[in-house]
Amino acid sequence: MRIRFRAGNLSEDAEKAFQLIRQDGTASAGEVRRFLGVGGAQRPDPADVALGDLQRELLIDRGPSSVPKNGIPYLSKEGFPYRVFEKAHPELVKAAKKLKIDDAIQIILEATKTFPPKKTESMFKLCFTTAERRDIASEI
């Protein structure tokens, strides 16, 4: 649902950060800062903004670099790396392509039925059209 509204106009820093993450497979925020040359800048710095933009567009996510079968995922000193979403979660992308928008909305409504309508609307505002938000508000 979210990719229906991708703006397609990422900032230059976001494009560079995405290129780094695609080429390396993963990158920490520190690696992105060094790559963009913004180390030591006041936060939020251009790397923070670029990574936020990429996450909002569902181009990247953060996750453990390795998940053991037993125990908990290892968290390195650098923190969880950023990864290309479609490479990190191919099963989700495949399943999402098969899901109809109306069915996805119903799944979200069921999962959020205990939330106040305004909260559901604000949480998913980047996923729904204005008409869909109106319909959701009337269904809850």
Foldseek 3Di string as FASTA:
>chain_A
DLLVPQPPDADPLLVQLLVVQVVVQWAFLVRSCVSVVNPPPDPPDPSVVSVVSCVSNLQKDWDAPDADPDDGGDADPRGTIIGGRCVVCVVVVVVVVVDDPVRVLVVLCVVCVVPQLVVSCVVCVSPDDPVSSVVSNVVD
